[in-house]
Amino acid sequence: MLLKEIHMPKFPECWESCGSCAQGTVSVLEVLVAPGDHIARDDTILILETGKVALDIPSPWAGTVQEVRIAEGDTVDEGELLMTLLEP
């Protein structure tokens, strides 16, 4: 078994050029998993909110959630550790 870290992905490049959906901070709208949950690759693990849009963040791997490092209402930055996952 292998412990994987899930980090905040790079914001879409269009946010810098357009800016229409990236007003203000990026915050956690909803956390959809908890420690002990089994998830599949590409399952939505949380929903982020910007000034104008909500973004689903998928898991890059399948496995069991070990630790969730963020909570609803938290602001997040690119590269921030969101959670750890134990791969089978």
PDB file of N, CA and C in Angstrom:
ATOM      1  N   MET A   1       0.844  -1.187   0.000  1.00  0.00           N
ATOM      2  CA  MET A   1       0.000   0.000   0.000  1.00  0.00           C
ATOM      3  C   MET A   1       0.887   1.248   0.000  1.00  0.00           C
ATOM      4  N   LEU A   2       0.381   2.293  -0.642  1.00  0.00           N
ATOM      5  CA  LEU A   2       1.165   3.495  -0.837  1.00  0.00           C
ATOM      6  C   LEU A   2       0.351   4.711  -0.403  1.00  0.00           C
ATOM      7  N   LEU A   3       0.934   5.561   0.432  1.00  0.00           N
ATOM      8  CA  LEU A   3       0.261   6.783   0.872  1.00  0.00           C
ATOM      9  C   LEU A   3       0.498   7.886  -0.153  1.00  0.00           C
ATOM     10  N   LYS A   4      -0.575   8.465  -0.667  1.00  0.00           N
ATOM     11  CA  LYS A   4      -0.498   9.534  -1.664  1.00  0.00           C
ATOM     12  C   LYS A   4      -1.038  10.823  -1.065  1.00  0.00           C
ATOM     13  N   GLU A   5      -0.461  11.942  -1.468  1.00  0.00           N
ATOM     14  CA  GLU A   5      -0.948  13.250  -1.047  1.00  0.00           C
ATOM     15  C   GLU A   5      -1.716  13.880  -2.199  1.00  0.00           C
ATOM     16  N   ILE A   6      -2.872  14.430  -1.901  1.00  0.00           N
ATOM     17  CA  ILE A   6      -3.655  15.146  -2.906  1.00  0.00           C
ATOM     18  C   ILE A   6      -3.514  16.631  -2.609  1.00  0.00           C
ATOM     19  N   HIS A   7      -2.967  17.357  -3.580  1.00  0.00           N
ATOM     20  CA  HIS A   7      -2.722  18.790  -3.437  1.00  0.00           C
ATOM     21  C   HIS A   7      -3.701  19.575  -4.305  1.00  0.00           C
ATOM     22  N   MET A   8      -3.890  20.835  -3.944  1.00  0.00           N
ATOM     23  CA  MET A   8      -4.718  21.729  -4.744  1.00  0.00           C
ATOM     24  C   MET A   8      -4.117  21.835  -6.137  1.00  0.00           C
ATOM     25  N   PRO A   9      -4.916  21.524  -7.181  1.00  0.00           N
ATOM     26  CA  PRO A   9      -4.362  21.587  -8.534  1.00  0.00           C
ATOM     27  C   PRO A   9      -4.080  23.012  -8.993  1.00  0.00           C
ATOM     28  N   LYS A  10      -3.319  23.113 -10.073  1.00  0.00           N
ATOM     29  CA  LYS A  10      -3.038  24.407 -10.680  1.00  0.00           C
ATOM     30  C   LYS A  10      -4.351  24.999 -11.177  1.00  0.00           C
ATOM     31  N   PHE A  11      -4.553  26.271 -10.905  1.00  0.00           N
ATOM     32  CA  PHE A  11      -5.745  26.944 -11.379  1.00  0.00           C
ATOM     33  C   PHE A  11      -5.703  26.982 -12.909  1.00  0.00           C
ATOM     34  N   PRO A  12      -6.849  26.928 -13.570  1.00  0.00           N
ATOM     35  CA  PRO A  12      -6.842  26.985 -15.046  1.00  0.00           C
ATOM     36  C   PRO A  12      -6.106  28.229 -15.539  1.00  0.00           C
ATOM     37  N   GLU A  13      -5.317  28.050 -16.598  1.00  0.00           N
ATOM     38  CA  GLU A  13      -4.536  29.157 -17.144  1.00  0.00           C
ATOM     39  C   GLU A  13      -5.414  30.322 -17.573  1.00  0.00           C
ATOM     40  N   CYS A  14      -6.637  30.026 -17.995  1.00  0.00           N
ATOM     41  CA  CYS A  14      -7.520  31.090 -18.482  1.00  0.00           C
ATOM     42  C   CYS A  14      -7.871  32.082 -17.367  1.00  0.00           C
ATOM     43  N   TRP A  15      -7.708  31.681 -16.095  1.00  0.00           N
ATOM     44  CA  TRP A  15      -8.036  32.593 -14.994  1.00  0.00           C
ATOM     45  C   TRP A  15      -7.163  33.834 -15.038  1.00  0.00           C
ATOM     46  N   GLU A  16      -5.898  33.656 -15.457  1.00  0.00           N
ATOM     47  CA  GLU A  16      -4.983  34.792 -15.489  1.00  0.00           C
ATOM     48  C   GLU A  16      -5.290  35.734 -16.645  1.00  0.00           C
ATOM     49  N   SER A  17      -5.671  35.188 -17.797  1.00  0.00           N
ATOM     50  CA  SER A  17      -5.926  36.031 -18.965  1.00  0.00           C
ATOM     51  C   SER A  17      -7.332  36.623 -18.957  1.00  0.00           C
ATOM     52  N   CYS A  18      -8.306  35.844 -18.572  1.00  0.00           N
ATOM     53  CA  CYS A  18      -9.701  36.301 -18.604  1.00  0.00           C
ATOM     54  C   CYS A  18     -10.076  36.959 -17.283  1.00  0.00           C
ATOM     55  N   GLY A  19      -9.908  36.195 -16.210  1.00  0.00           N
ATOM     56  CA  GLY A  19     -10.187  36.737 -14.881  1.00  0.00           C
ATOM     57  C   GLY A  19     -11.639  36.792 -14.498  1.00  0.00           C
ATOM     58  N   SER A  20     -12.540  36.407 -15.393  1.00  0.00           N
ATOM     59  CA  SER A  20     -13.954  36.577 -15.077  1.00  0.00           C
ATOM     60  C   SER A  20     -14.459  35.603 -14.012  1.00  0.00           C
ATOM     61  N   CYS A  21     -13.818  34.440 -13.874  1.00  0.00           N
ATOM     62  CA  CYS A  21     -14.289  33.476 -12.875  1.00  0.00           C
ATOM     63  C   CYS A  21     -13.388  33.431 -11.650  1.00  0.00           C
ATOM     64  N   ALA A  22     -12.324  34.183 -11.634  1.00  0.00           N
ATOM     65  CA  ALA A  22     -11.360  34.108 -10.539  1.00  0.00           C
ATOM     66  C   ALA A  22     -11.351  35.386  -9.711  1.00  0.00           C
ATOM     67  N   GLN A  23     -12.510  35.895  -9.425  1.00  0.00           N
ATOM     68  CA  GLN A  23     -12.599  37.098  -8.610  1.00  0.00           C
ATOM     69  C   GLN A  23     -12.450  36.731  -7.136  1.00  0.00           C
ATOM     70  N   GLY A  24     -11.485  37.301  -6.467  1.00  0.00           N
ATOM     71  CA  GLY A  24     -11.317  37.077  -5.032  1.00  0.00           C
ATOM     72  C   GLY A  24     -10.630  35.765  -4.720  1.00  0.00           C
ATOM     73  N   THR A  25     -10.930  35.233  -3.546  1.00  0.00           N
ATOM     74  CA  THR A  25     -10.263  34.037  -3.061  1.00  0.00           C
ATOM     75  C   THR A  25     -10.967  32.774  -3.550  1.00  0.00           C
ATOM     76  N   VAL A  26     -10.263  31.671  -3.425  1.00  0.00           N
ATOM     77  CA  VAL A  26     -10.822  30.357  -3.712  1.00  0.00           C
ATOM     78  C   VAL A  26     -11.047  29.686  -2.366  1.00  0.00           C
ATOM     79  N   SER A  27     -12.277  29.270  -2.113  1.00  0.00           N
ATOM     80  CA  SER A  27     -12.581  28.656  -0.819  1.00  0.00           C
ATOM     81  C   SER A  27     -13.265  27.309  -1.015  1.00  0.00           C
ATOM     82  N   VAL A  28     -13.235  26.509   0.039  1.00  0.00           N
ATOM     83  CA  VAL A  28     -13.855  25.189   0.023  1.00  0.00           C
ATOM     84  C   VAL A  28     -15.342  25.366   0.307  1.00  0.00           C
ATOM     85  N   LEU A  29     -16.159  25.011  -0.671  1.00  0.00           N
ATOM     86  CA  LEU A  29     -17.607  25.099  -0.520  1.00  0.00           C
ATOM     87  C   LEU A  29     -18.143  23.867   0.197  1.00  0.00           C
ATOM     88  N   GLU A  30     -17.621  22.685  -0.201  1.00  0.00           N
ATOM     89  CA  GLU A  30     -18.108  21.442   0.392  1.00  0.00           C
ATOM     90  C   GLU A  30     -17.032  20.374   0.311  1.00  0.00           C
ATOM     91  N   VAL A  31     -16.820  19.628   1.399  1.00  0.00           N
ATOM     92  CA  VAL A  31     -15.921  18.473   1.427  1.00  0.00           C
ATOM     93  C   VAL A  31     -16.807  17.240   1.328  1.00  0.00           C
ATOM     94  N   LEU A  32     -16.567  16.400   0.328  1.00  0.00           N
ATOM     95  CA  LEU A  32     -17.452  15.269   0.044  1.00  0.00           C
ATOM     96  C   LEU A  32     -16.946  13.932   0.555  1.00  0.00           C
ATOM     97  N   VAL A  33     -15.757  13.917   1.178  1.00  0.00           N
ATOM     98  CA  VAL A  33     -15.187  12.671   1.693  1.00  0.00           C
ATOM     99  C   VAL A  33     -14.728  12.863   3.131  1.00  0.00           C
ATOM    100  N   ALA A  34     -14.545  11.742   3.815  1.00  0.00           N
ATOM    101  CA  ALA A  34     -14.079  11.749   5.209  1.00  0.00           C
ATOM    102  C   ALA A  34     -13.088  10.602   5.376  1.00  0.00           C
ATOM    103  N   PRO A  35     -12.247  10.661   6.405  1.00  0.00           N
ATOM    104  CA  PRO A  35     -11.326   9.544   6.651  1.00  0.00           C
ATOM    105  C   PRO A  35     -12.076   8.216   6.721  1.00  0.00           C
ATOM    106  N   GLY A  36     -11.502   7.215   6.051  1.00  0.00           N
ATOM    107  CA  GLY A  36     -12.112   5.890   6.002  1.00  0.00           C
ATOM    108  C   GLY A  36     -12.941   5.645   4.754  1.00  0.00           C
ATOM    109  N   ASP A  37     -13.310   6.719   4.032  1.00  0.00           N
ATOM    110  CA  ASP A  37     -14.090   6.557   2.802  1.00  0.00           C
ATOM    111  C   ASP A  37     -13.227   5.927   1.713  1.00  0.00           C
ATOM    112  N   HIS A  38     -13.822   5.018   0.953  1.00  0.00           N
ATOM    113  CA  HIS A  38     -13.170   4.426  -0.209  1.00  0.00           C
ATOM    114  C   HIS A  38     -13.643   5.204  -1.430  1.00  0.00           C
ATOM    115  N   ILE A  39     -12.691   5.680  -2.229  1.00  0.00           N
ATOM    116  CA  ILE A  39     -13.046   6.465  -3.403  1.00  0.00           C
ATOM    117  C   ILE A  39     -12.380   5.899  -4.654  1.00  0.00           C
ATOM    118  N   ALA A  40     -13.000   6.164  -5.794  1.00  0.00           N
ATOM    119  CA  ALA A  40     -12.459   5.754  -7.080  1.00  0.00           C
ATOM    120  C   ALA A  40     -11.716   6.928  -7.717  1.00  0.00           C
ATOM    121  N   ARG A  41     -10.843   6.632  -8.658  1.00  0.00           N
ATOM    122  CA  ARG A  41     -10.172   7.688  -9.416  1.00  0.00           C
ATOM    123  C   ARG A  41     -11.250   8.521 -10.104  1.00  0.00           C
ATOM    124  N   ASP A  42     -11.083   9.815 -10.080  1.00  0.00           N
ATOM    125  CA  ASP A  42     -11.981  10.798 -10.687  1.00  0.00           C
ATOM    126  C   ASP A  42     -13.267  11.048  -9.889  1.00  0.00           C
ATOM    127  N   ASP A  43     -13.450  10.398  -8.725  1.00  0.00           N
ATOM    128  CA  ASP A  43     -14.572  10.768  -7.852  1.00  0.00           C
ATOM    129  C   ASP A  43     -14.361  12.202  -7.376  1.00  0.00           C
ATOM    130  N   THR A  44     -15.426  12.974  -7.303  1.00  0.00           N
ATOM    131  CA  THR A  44     -15.320  14.338  -6.785  1.00  0.00           C
ATOM    132  C   THR A  44     -15.090  14.267  -5.279  1.00  0.00           C
ATOM    133  N   ILE A  45     -14.002  14.906  -4.814  1.00  0.00           N
ATOM    134  CA  ILE A  45     -13.667  14.860  -3.391  1.00  0.00           C
ATOM    135  C   ILE A  45     -14.040  16.152  -2.666  1.00  0.00           C
ATOM    136  N   LEU A  46     -14.110  17.258  -3.422  1.00  0.00           N
ATOM    137  CA  LEU A  46     -14.541  18.516  -2.823  1.00  0.00           C
ATOM    138  C   LEU A  46     -14.993  19.478  -3.904  1.00  0.00           C
ATOM    139  N   ILE A  47     -15.712  20.495  -3.475  1.00  0.00           N
ATOM    140  CA  ILE A  47     -16.183  21.541  -4.382  1.00  0.00           C
ATOM    141  C   ILE A  47     -15.603  22.859  -3.900  1.00  0.00           C
ATOM    142  N   LEU A  48     -14.948  23.557  -4.822  1.00  0.00           N
ATOM    143  CA  LEU A  48     -14.369  24.860  -4.525  1.00  0.00           C
ATOM    144  C   LEU A  48     -15.287  25.949  -5.049  1.00  0.00           C
ATOM    145  N   GLU A  49     -15.170  27.124  -4.452  1.00  0.00           N
ATOM    146  CA  GLU A  49     -15.969  28.251  -4.893  1.00  0.00           C
ATOM    147  C   GLU A  49     -15.058  29.459  -5.113  1.00  0.00           C
ATOM    148  N   THR A  50     -15.253  30.119  -6.246  1.00  0.00           N
ATOM    149  CA  THR A  50     -14.595  31.389  -6.492  1.00  0.00           C
ATOM    150  C   THR A  50     -15.684  32.451  -6.455  1.00  0.00           C
ATOM    151  N   GLY A  51     -15.359  33.649  -6.838  1.00  0.00           N
ATOM    152  CA  GLY A  51     -16.360  34.708  -6.839  1.00  0.00           C
ATOM    153  C   GLY A  51     -17.531  34.435  -7.755  1.00  0.00           C
ATOM    154  N   LYS A  52     -17.317  33.613  -8.803  1.00  0.00           N
ATOM    155  CA  LYS A  52     -18.376  33.435  -9.785  1.00  0.00           C
ATOM    156  C   LYS A  52     -18.711  31.991 -10.131  1.00  0.00           C
ATOM    157  N   VAL A  53     -17.858  31.041  -9.796  1.00  0.00           N
ATOM    158  CA  VAL A  53     -18.102  29.659 -10.202  1.00  0.00           C
ATOM    159  C   VAL A  53     -17.810  28.684  -9.065  1.00  0.00           C
ATOM    160  N   ALA A  54     -18.408  27.484  -9.192  1.00  0.00           N
ATOM    161  CA  ALA A  54     -18.092  26.362  -8.304  1.00  0.00           C
ATOM    162  C   ALA A  54     -17.351  25.332  -9.152  1.00  0.00           C
ATOM    163  N   LEU A  55     -16.282  24.762  -8.602  1.00  0.00           N
ATOM    164  CA  LEU A  55     -15.459  23.798  -9.330  1.00  0.00           C
ATOM    165  C   LEU A  55     -15.388  22.479  -8.573  1.00  0.00           C
ATOM    166  N   ASP A  56     -15.696  21.382  -9.260  1.00  0.00           N
ATOM    167  CA  ASP A  56     -15.536  20.048  -8.683  1.00  0.00           C
ATOM    168  C   ASP A  56     -14.075  19.643  -8.804  1.00  0.00           C
ATOM    169  N   ILE A  57     -13.487  19.152  -7.708  1.00  0.00           N
ATOM    170  CA  ILE A  57     -12.107  18.683  -7.710  1.00  0.00           C
ATOM    171  C   ILE A  57     -12.135  17.156  -7.598  1.00  0.00           C
ATOM    172  N   PRO A  58     -11.631  16.451  -8.624  1.00  0.00           N
ATOM    173  CA  PRO A  58     -11.631  14.985  -8.607  1.00  0.00           C
ATOM    174  C   PRO A  58     -10.376  14.418  -7.940  1.00  0.00           C
ATOM    175  N   SER A  59     -10.486  13.180  -7.494  1.00  0.00           N
ATOM    176  CA  SER A  59      -9.324  12.483  -6.947  1.00  0.00           C
ATOM    177  C   SER A  59      -8.475  11.951  -8.095  1.00  0.00           C
ATOM    178  N   PRO A  60      -7.161  12.137  -8.033  1.00  0.00           N
ATOM    179  CA  PRO A  60      -6.299  11.588  -9.073  1.00  0.00           C
ATOM    180  C   PRO A  60      -6.040  10.087  -8.917  1.00  0.00           C
ATOM    181  N   TRP A  61      -6.436   9.503  -7.786  1.00  0.00           N
ATOM    182  CA  TRP A  61      -6.212   8.083  -7.525  1.00  0.00           C
ATOM    183  C   TRP A  61      -7.416   7.453  -6.839  1.00  0.00           C
ATOM    184  N   ALA A  62      -7.448   6.125  -6.866  1.00  0.00           N
ATOM    185  CA  ALA A  62      -8.415   5.353  -6.088  1.00  0.00           C
ATOM    186  C   ALA A  62      -7.751   4.967  -4.771  1.00  0.00           C
ATOM    187  N   GLY A  63      -8.556   4.791  -3.727  1.00  0.00           N
ATOM    188  CA  GLY A  63      -7.998   4.366  -2.451  1.00  0.00           C
ATOM    189  C   GLY A  63      -8.893   4.718  -1.288  1.00  0.00           C
ATOM    190  N   THR A  64      -8.300   4.711  -0.105  1.00  0.00           N
ATOM    191  CA  THR A  64      -9.016   5.011   1.136  1.00  0.00           C
ATOM    192  C   THR A  64      -8.495   6.323   1.702  1.00  0.00           C
ATOM    193  N   VAL A  65      -9.411   7.235   1.998  1.00  0.00           N
ATOM    194  CA  VAL A  65      -9.035   8.532   2.562  1.00  0.00           C
ATOM    195  C   VAL A  65      -8.460   8.298   3.961  1.00  0.00           C
ATOM    196  N   GLN A  66      -7.248   8.828   4.191  1.00  0.00           N
ATOM    197  CA  GLN A  66      -6.602   8.696   5.492  1.00  0.00           C
ATOM    198  C   GLN A  66      -6.795   9.938   6.351  1.00  0.00           C
ATOM    199  N   GLU A  67      -6.601  11.118   5.733  1.00  0.00           N
ATOM    200  CA  GLU A  67      -6.683  12.365   6.480  1.00  0.00           C
ATOM    201  C   GLU A  67      -7.195  13.462   5.558  1.00  0.00           C
ATOM    202  N   VAL A  68      -8.109  14.273   6.059  1.00  0.00           N
ATOM    203  CA  VAL A  68      -8.599  15.445   5.327  1.00  0.00           C
ATOM    204  C   VAL A  68      -8.021  16.667   6.032  1.00  0.00           C
ATOM    205  N   ARG A  69      -7.286  17.497   5.282  1.00  0.00           N
ATOM    206  CA  ARG A  69      -6.560  18.624   5.868  1.00  0.00           C
ATOM    207  C   ARG A  69      -7.273  19.966   5.712  1.00  0.00           C
ATOM    208  N   ILE A  70      -8.432  19.971   5.054  1.00  0.00           N
ATOM    209  CA  ILE A  70      -9.168  21.211   4.816  1.00  0.00           C
ATOM    210  C   ILE A  70     -10.607  21.023   5.308  1.00  0.00           C
ATOM    211  N   ALA A  71     -11.301  22.142   5.492  1.00  0.00           N
ATOM    212  CA  ALA A  71     -12.690  22.097   5.941  1.00  0.00           C
ATOM    213  C   ALA A  71     -13.501  23.113   5.146  1.00  0.00           C
ATOM    214  N   GLU A  72     -14.798  22.951   5.169  1.00  0.00           N
ATOM    215  CA  GLU A  72     -15.675  23.892   4.487  1.00  0.00           C
ATOM    216  C   GLU A  72     -15.417  25.296   5.011  1.00  0.00           C
ATOM    217  N   GLY A  73     -15.303  26.243   4.073  1.00  0.00           N
ATOM    218  CA  GLY A  73     -15.045  27.627   4.427  1.00  0.00           C
ATOM    219  C   GLY A  73     -13.574  28.022   4.383  1.00  0.00           C
ATOM    220  N   ASP A  74     -12.668  27.029   4.372  1.00  0.00           N
ATOM    221  CA  ASP A  74     -11.238  27.335   4.280  1.00  0.00           C
ATOM    222  C   ASP A  74     -10.908  27.940   2.921  1.00  0.00           C
ATOM    223  N   THR A  75      -9.949  28.845   2.895  1.00  0.00           N
ATOM    224  CA  THR A  75      -9.411  29.303   1.619  1.00  0.00           C
ATOM    225  C   THR A  75      -8.222  28.419   1.280  1.00  0.00           C
ATOM    226  N   VAL A  76      -8.025  28.162  -0.020  1.00  0.00           N
ATOM    227  CA  VAL A  76      -6.951  27.267  -0.448  1.00  0.00           C
ATOM    228  C   VAL A  76      -6.118  27.930  -1.537  1.00  0.00           C
ATOM    229  N   ASP A  77      -4.848  27.560  -1.564  1.00  0.00           N
ATOM    230  CA  ASP A  77      -3.914  28.057  -2.557  1.00  0.00           C
ATOM    231  C   ASP A  77      -3.402  26.902  -3.403  1.00  0.00           C
ATOM    232  N   GLU A  78      -2.970  27.219  -4.596  1.00  0.00           N
ATOM    233  CA  GLU A  78      -2.398  26.226  -5.488  1.00  0.00           C
ATOM    234  C   GLU A  78      -1.268  25.488  -4.784  1.00  0.00           C
ATOM    235  N   GLY A  79      -1.284  24.151  -4.867  1.00  0.00           N
ATOM    236  CA  GLY A  79      -0.243  23.330  -4.269  1.00  0.00           C
ATOM    237  C   GLY A  79      -0.492  22.938  -2.824  1.00  0.00           C
ATOM    238  N   GLU A  80      -1.497  23.508  -2.181  1.00  0.00           N
ATOM    239  CA  GLU A  80      -1.785  23.209  -0.770  1.00  0.00           C
ATOM    240  C   GLU A  80      -2.223  21.757  -0.607  1.00  0.00           C
ATOM    241  N   LEU A  81      -1.773  21.109   0.472  1.00  0.00           N
ATOM    242  CA  LEU A  81      -2.164  19.733   0.772  1.00  0.00           C
ATOM    243  C   LEU A  81      -3.620  19.706   1.195  1.00  0.00           C
ATOM    244  N   LEU A  82      -4.433  18.919   0.466  1.00  0.00           N
ATOM    245  CA  LEU A  82      -5.854  18.812   0.763  1.00  0.00           C
ATOM    246  C   LEU A  82      -6.168  17.584   1.613  1.00  0.00           C
ATOM    247  N   MET A  83      -5.579  16.439   1.240  1.00  0.00           N
ATOM    248  CA  MET A  83      -5.844  15.211   1.976  1.00  0.00           C
ATOM    249  C   MET A  83      -4.821  14.151   1.599  1.00  0.00           C
ATOM    250  N   THR A  84      -4.804  13.077   2.377  1.00  0.00           N
ATOM    251  CA  THR A  84      -3.952  11.941   2.068  1.00  0.00           C
ATOM    252  C   THR A  84      -4.847  10.742   1.780  1.00  0.00           C
ATOM    253  N   LEU A  85      -4.321   9.855   0.931  1.00  0.00           N
ATOM    254  CA  LEU A  85      -5.085   8.712   0.438  1.00  0.00           C
ATOM    255  C   LEU A  85      -4.172   7.500   0.442  1.00  0.00           C
ATOM    256  N   LEU A  86      -4.669   6.366   0.911  1.00  0.00           N
ATOM    257  CA  LEU A  86      -3.916   5.132   0.912  1.00  0.00           C
ATOM    258  C   LEU A  86      -4.344   4.312  -0.296  1.00  0.00           C
ATOM    259  N   GLU A  87      -3.416   4.124  -1.251  1.00  0.00           N
ATOM    260  CA  GLU A  87      -3.704   3.329  -2.442  1.00  0.00           C
ATOM    261  C   GLU A  87      -3.591   1.847  -2.096  1.00  0.00           C
ATOM    262  N   PRO A  88      -4.461   1.035  -2.682  1.00  0.00           N
ATOM    263  CA  PRO A  88      -4.382  -0.416  -2.428  1.00  0.00           C
ATOM    264  C   PRO A  88      -3.151  -1.032  -3.061  1.00  0.00           C
TER     265      PRO A  88
END
